[in-house]
Amino acid sequence: MGEDGPTHQPVEQLISLRAITGLIVLRPGDANEVVEAWRVIMKERHEPVALILSRQNMATLDRTKYGAAAGVAKGAYVLAEVPGVTPEVILIGTGSEIGLCIEAYDKLLADGVKARVVSMPSWELFDRQSQEYRESVLPPSVKARVSMEQASTMGWSRYAGCNIA
């Protein structure tokens, strides 16, 4: 259900695109990420890219307060965290759900919970990064993880499931 009534896309739409071999799916979470997604797309010469945008009104995040949107090129990056502290929980979001992650993050911080928000606009690009980079974004020691995407949960278990390496 969208803000202006029923949508016409089934929840399986995103996972079906992600299942296409060789297709890069990019689902940016604000205007800054859209700009960075276009930079990724313009450099791409050998693989098709699906750019998934929202019709919803979404806030443009203040990048002096949150992580630089240039992290889109790596598929996922730390958007918000308490610096120098190992998080107790990681909130992983994509697209329009980034706003929900930020709201939850603020509430968790107010309750004294050390949280991290990871923006993950592209599984495909993130999975191509070095293990060192992937673990810097999603430390294996942090098992409390929540993925936020208003679509099928299929596939998210490798980032937020109980079998995290």
C-alpha atoms as a PDB file:
ATOM      1  CA  MET A   1       0.000   0.000   0.000  1.00  0.00           C
ATOM      2  CA  GLY A   2       1.500   3.302  -1.048  1.00  0.00           C
ATOM      3  CA  GLU A   3       0.811   6.730   0.421  1.00  0.00           C
ATOM      4  CA  ASP A   4      -1.655   7.407  -2.407  1.00  0.00           C
ATOM      5  CA  GLY A   5      -3.399   4.033  -2.368  1.00  0.00           C
ATOM      6  CA  PRO A   6      -2.684   0.521  -3.598  1.00  0.00           C
ATOM      7  CA  THR A   7       0.480  -0.006  -5.586  1.00  0.00           C
ATOM      8  CA  HIS A   8       0.618  -2.242  -8.617  1.00  0.00           C
ATOM      9  CA  GLN A   9       3.926  -3.939  -7.936  1.00  0.00           C
ATOM     10  CA  PRO A  10       3.978  -7.231  -6.066  1.00  0.00           C
ATOM     11  CA  VAL A  11       6.379  -7.542  -3.131  1.00  0.00           C
ATOM     12  CA  GLU A  12       8.299 -10.105  -5.191  1.00  0.00           C
ATOM     13  CA  GLN A  13       9.279  -7.455  -7.768  1.00  0.00           C
ATOM     14  CA  LEU A  14      12.606  -6.544  -6.134  1.00  0.00           C
ATOM     15  CA  ILE A  15      13.733 -10.084  -5.410  1.00  0.00           C
ATOM     16  CA  SER A  16      12.877 -11.109  -8.970  1.00  0.00           C
ATOM     17  CA  LEU A  17      15.135  -8.347 -10.284  1.00  0.00           C
ATOM     18  CA  ARG A  18      17.894  -9.322  -7.849  1.00  0.00           C
ATOM     19  CA  ALA A  19      17.643 -12.914  -9.090  1.00  0.00           C
ATOM     20  CA  ILE A  20      18.573 -11.923 -12.649  1.00  0.00           C
ATOM     21  CA  THR A  21      22.182 -12.910 -13.265  1.00  0.00           C
ATOM     22  CA  GLY A  22      24.373  -9.952 -14.188  1.00  0.00           C
ATOM     23  CA  LEU A  23      21.803  -7.292 -13.296  1.00  0.00           C
ATOM     24  CA  ILE A  24      22.841  -4.654 -10.781  1.00  0.00           C
ATOM     25  CA  VAL A  25      19.885  -3.435  -8.722  1.00  0.00           C
ATOM     26  CA  LEU A  26      20.235   0.004  -7.129  1.00  0.00           C
ATOM     27  CA  ARG A  27      17.608   1.268  -4.690  1.00  0.00           C
ATOM     28  CA  PRO A  28      18.776   4.669  -3.372  1.00  0.00           C
ATOM     29  CA  GLY A  29      17.403   6.071  -0.119  1.00  0.00           C
ATOM     30  CA  ASP A  30      17.510   9.818  -0.733  1.00  0.00           C
ATOM     31  CA  ALA A  31      18.371  12.410  -3.406  1.00  0.00           C
ATOM     32  CA  ASN A  32      22.086  12.229  -2.528  1.00  0.00           C
ATOM     33  CA  GLU A  33      22.077   8.484  -3.144  1.00  0.00           C
ATOM     34  CA  VAL A  34      20.230   8.968  -6.446  1.00  0.00           C
ATOM     35  CA  VAL A  35      23.051  11.247  -7.636  1.00  0.00           C
ATOM     36  CA  GLU A  36      25.637   8.649  -6.618  1.00  0.00           C
ATOM     37  CA  ALA A  37      23.594   5.859  -8.240  1.00  0.00           C
ATOM     38  CA  TRP A  38      23.669   7.783 -11.522  1.00  0.00           C
ATOM     39  CA  ARG A  39      27.456   8.044 -11.204  1.00  0.00           C
ATOM     40  CA  VAL A  40      27.636   4.261 -10.855  1.00  0.00           C
ATOM     41  CA  ILE A  41      25.319   3.763 -13.831  1.00  0.00           C
ATOM     42  CA  MET A  42      27.228   6.164 -16.093  1.00  0.00           C
ATOM     43  CA  LYS A  43      30.481   4.254 -15.502  1.00  0.00           C
ATOM     44  CA  GLU A  44      28.899   0.858 -16.160  1.00  0.00           C
ATOM     45  CA  ARG A  45      29.701  -0.541 -19.595  1.00  0.00           C
ATOM     46  CA  HIS A  46      29.132  -4.294 -19.301  1.00  0.00           C
ATOM     47  CA  GLU A  47      26.149  -4.940 -17.056  1.00  0.00           C
ATOM     48  CA  PRO A  48      22.606  -3.612 -17.057  1.00  0.00           C
ATOM     49  CA  VAL A  49      21.408  -1.670 -14.022  1.00  0.00           C
ATOM     50  CA  ALA A  50      17.885  -1.392 -12.619  1.00  0.00           C
ATOM     51  CA  LEU A  51      17.403   1.888 -10.757  1.00  0.00           C
ATOM     52  CA  ILE A  52      14.526   1.474  -8.304  1.00  0.00           C
ATOM     53  CA  LEU A  53      13.063   4.805  -7.210  1.00  0.00           C
ATOM     54  CA  SER A  54      10.109   5.692  -4.990  1.00  0.00           C
ATOM     55  CA  ARG A  55       7.027   7.815  -5.597  1.00  0.00           C
ATOM     56  CA  GLN A  56       6.961   8.636  -1.890  1.00  0.00           C
ATOM     57  CA  ASN A  57       8.159  11.936  -0.512  1.00  0.00           C
ATOM     58  CA  MET A  58      11.511  11.160   1.068  1.00  0.00           C
ATOM     59  CA  ALA A  59      13.720  13.439   3.119  1.00  0.00           C
ATOM     60  CA  THR A  60      17.128  14.353   1.764  1.00  0.00           C
ATOM     61  CA  LEU A  61      19.569  13.516   4.528  1.00  0.00           C
ATOM     62  CA  ASP A  62      22.016  16.091   5.848  1.00  0.00           C
ATOM     63  CA  ARG A  63      25.341  14.597   4.811  1.00  0.00           C
ATOM     64  CA  THR A  64      27.247  16.659   7.369  1.00  0.00           C
ATOM     65  CA  LYS A  65      25.399  14.578   9.976  1.00  0.00           C
ATOM     66  CA  TYR A  66      25.263  11.241   8.120  1.00  0.00           C
ATOM     67  CA  GLY A  67      27.766   9.209   6.087  1.00  0.00           C
ATOM     68  CA  ALA A  68      28.750  10.346   2.601  1.00  0.00           C
ATOM     69  CA  ALA A  69      26.486   9.021  -0.151  1.00  0.00           C
ATOM     70  CA  ALA A  70      29.589   8.128  -2.184  1.00  0.00           C
ATOM     71  CA  GLY A  71      29.324   4.769  -0.396  1.00  0.00           C
ATOM     72  CA  VAL A  72      26.578   3.853  -2.884  1.00  0.00           C
ATOM     73  CA  ALA A  73      29.344   2.801  -5.293  1.00  0.00           C
ATOM     74  CA  LYS A  74      30.288   0.037  -2.830  1.00  0.00           C
ATOM     75  CA  GLY A  75      26.708  -1.167  -2.504  1.00  0.00           C
ATOM     76  CA  ALA A  76      26.446  -0.476   1.237  1.00  0.00           C
ATOM     77  CA  TYR A  77      28.027   1.867   3.725  1.00  0.00           C
ATOM     78  CA  VAL A  78      27.699   3.114   7.286  1.00  0.00           C
ATOM     79  CA  LEU A  79      25.135   5.891   7.261  1.00  0.00           C
ATOM     80  CA  ALA A  80      24.954   6.603  10.995  1.00  0.00           C
ATOM     81  CA  GLU A  81      26.686   5.314  14.133  1.00  0.00           C
ATOM     82  CA  VAL A  82      28.151   6.281  17.447  1.00  0.00           C
ATOM     83  CA  PRO A  83      31.814   6.864  16.485  1.00  0.00           C
ATOM     84  CA  GLY A  84      34.433   4.599  18.025  1.00  0.00           C
ATOM     85  CA  VAL A  85      31.903   2.250  19.610  1.00  0.00           C
ATOM     86  CA  THR A  86      31.023  -1.290  18.571  1.00  0.00           C
ATOM     87  CA  PRO A  87      27.297  -1.263  17.805  1.00  0.00           C
ATOM     88  CA  GLU A  88      24.878  -3.448  19.737  1.00  0.00           C
ATOM     89  CA  VAL A  89      22.488  -3.555  16.787  1.00  0.00           C
ATOM     90  CA  ILE A  90      22.740  -2.841  13.072  1.00  0.00           C
ATOM     91  CA  LEU A  91      19.778  -1.498  11.133  1.00  0.00           C
ATOM     92  CA  ILE A  92      20.149  -2.245   7.408  1.00  0.00           C
ATOM     93  CA  GLY A  93      17.908  -0.328   5.049  1.00  0.00           C
ATOM     94  CA  THR A  94      17.407   0.411   1.419  1.00  0.00           C
ATOM     95  CA  GLY A  95      15.318   2.872  -0.567  1.00  0.00           C
ATOM     96  CA  SER A  96      12.452   4.602   1.184  1.00  0.00           C
ATOM     97  CA  GLU A  97      13.024   2.538   4.328  1.00  0.00           C
ATOM     98  CA  ILE A  98      16.224   4.472   5.109  1.00  0.00           C
ATOM     99  CA  GLY A  99      14.024   7.072   6.795  1.00  0.00           C
ATOM    100  CA  LEU A 100      12.560   4.356   9.039  1.00  0.00           C
ATOM    101  CA  CYS A 101      16.063   3.211   9.935  1.00  0.00           C
ATOM    102  CA  ILE A 102      17.063   6.742  10.927  1.00  0.00           C
ATOM    103  CA  GLU A 103      13.922   7.132  13.081  1.00  0.00           C
ATOM    104  CA  ALA A 104      14.620   3.816  14.825  1.00  0.00           C
ATOM    105  CA  TYR A 105      18.291   4.758  15.256  1.00  0.00           C
ATOM    106  CA  ASP A 106      17.365   8.030  16.973  1.00  0.00           C
ATOM    107  CA  LYS A 107      14.971   6.225  19.325  1.00  0.00           C
ATOM    108  CA  LEU A 108      17.547   3.554  20.137  1.00  0.00           C
ATOM    109  CA  LEU A 109      20.195   6.174  20.893  1.00  0.00           C
ATOM    110  CA  ALA A 110      17.751   7.992  23.183  1.00  0.00           C
ATOM    111  CA  ASP A 111      17.290   4.693  25.044  1.00  0.00           C
ATOM    112  CA  GLY A 112      21.057   4.230  25.379  1.00  0.00           C
ATOM    113  CA  VAL A 113      21.374   1.512  22.722  1.00  0.00           C
ATOM    114  CA  LYS A 114      24.501   1.733  20.563  1.00  0.00           C
ATOM    115  CA  ALA A 115      23.166   1.364  17.046  1.00  0.00           C
ATOM    116  CA  ARG A 116      24.460   1.619  13.501  1.00  0.00           C
ATOM    117  CA  VAL A 117      22.501   2.344  10.327  1.00  0.00           C
ATOM    118  CA  VAL A 118      23.755   0.786   7.112  1.00  0.00           C
ATOM    119  CA  SER A 119      22.390   1.971   3.807  1.00  0.00           C
ATOM    120  CA  MET A 120      22.450  -0.941   1.349  1.00  0.00           C
ATOM    121  CA  PRO A 121      21.226   0.256  -2.046  1.00  0.00           C
ATOM    122  CA  SER A 122      22.824  -2.653  -3.935  1.00  0.00           C
ATOM    123  CA  TRP A 123      23.424  -6.225  -2.810  1.00  0.00           C
ATOM    124  CA  GLU A 124      25.305  -6.944  -6.015  1.00  0.00           C
ATOM    125  CA  LEU A 125      27.823  -4.125  -5.561  1.00  0.00           C
ATOM    126  CA  PHE A 126      28.268  -4.848  -1.847  1.00  0.00           C
ATOM    127  CA  ASP A 127      28.946  -8.537  -2.474  1.00  0.00           C
ATOM    128  CA  ARG A 128      31.776  -7.566  -4.855  1.00  0.00           C
ATOM    129  CA  GLN A 129      33.670  -5.682  -2.158  1.00  0.00           C
ATOM    130  CA  SER A 130      36.548  -7.176  -0.222  1.00  0.00           C
ATOM    131  CA  GLN A 131      35.737  -9.230   2.843  1.00  0.00           C
ATOM    132  CA  GLU A 132      37.559  -6.618   4.909  1.00  0.00           C
ATOM    133  CA  TYR A 133      35.254  -3.860   3.647  1.00  0.00           C
ATOM    134  CA  ARG A 134      32.090  -5.946   4.056  1.00  0.00           C
ATOM    135  CA  GLU A 135      33.082  -6.794   7.642  1.00  0.00           C
ATOM    136  CA  SER A 136      33.836  -3.131   8.395  1.00  0.00           C
ATOM    137  CA  VAL A 137      30.255  -2.287   7.431  1.00  0.00           C
ATOM    138  CA  LEU A 138      28.629  -5.408   8.909  1.00  0.00           C
ATOM    139  CA  PRO A 139      30.964  -6.662  11.656  1.00  0.00           C
ATOM    140  CA  PRO A 140      30.472 -10.427  12.132  1.00  0.00           C
ATOM    141  CA  SER A 141      30.563  -9.982  15.909  1.00  0.00           C
ATOM    142  CA  VAL A 142      27.327  -7.978  15.811  1.00  0.00           C
ATOM    143  CA  LYS A 143      24.572 -10.553  15.492  1.00  0.00           C
ATOM    144  CA  ALA A 144      21.652  -8.245  16.316  1.00  0.00           C
ATOM    145  CA  ARG A 145      20.653  -7.032  12.861  1.00  0.00           C
ATOM    146  CA  VAL A 146      17.417  -5.833  11.351  1.00  0.00           C
ATOM    147  CA  SER A 147      16.803  -5.424   7.629  1.00  0.00           C
ATOM    148  CA  MET A 148      14.171  -2.916   6.551  1.00  0.00           C
ATOM    149  CA  GLU A 149      12.625  -3.181   3.130  1.00  0.00           C
ATOM    150  CA  GLN A 150       8.923  -3.172   2.371  1.00  0.00           C
ATOM    151  CA  ALA A 151       9.173  -6.085  -0.019  1.00  0.00           C
ATOM    152  CA  SER A 152       9.901  -9.787   0.206  1.00  0.00           C
ATOM    153  CA  THR A 153      12.238 -10.826   3.022  1.00  0.00           C
ATOM    154  CA  MET A 154      13.833 -13.354   0.670  1.00  0.00           C
ATOM    155  CA  GLY A 155      17.583 -12.872   0.384  1.00  0.00           C
ATOM    156  CA  TRP A 156      18.001 -10.590   3.397  1.00  0.00           C
ATOM    157  CA  SER A 157      19.041 -13.473   5.651  1.00  0.00           C
ATOM    158  CA  ARG A 158      22.598 -13.367   4.316  1.00  0.00           C
ATOM    159  CA  TYR A 159      22.969  -9.863   5.801  1.00  0.00           C
ATOM    160  CA  ALA A 160      20.640 -10.006   8.796  1.00  0.00           C
ATOM    161  CA  GLY A 161      20.046 -13.706   9.408  1.00  0.00           C
ATOM    162  CA  CYS A 162      21.147 -15.955  12.224  1.00  0.00           C
ATOM    163  CA  ASN A 163      23.841 -17.698  10.154  1.00  0.00           C
ATOM    164  CA  ILE A 164      26.065 -14.653   9.747  1.00  0.00           C
ATOM    165  CA  ALA A 165      29.718 -15.597   9.431  1.00  0.00           C
END
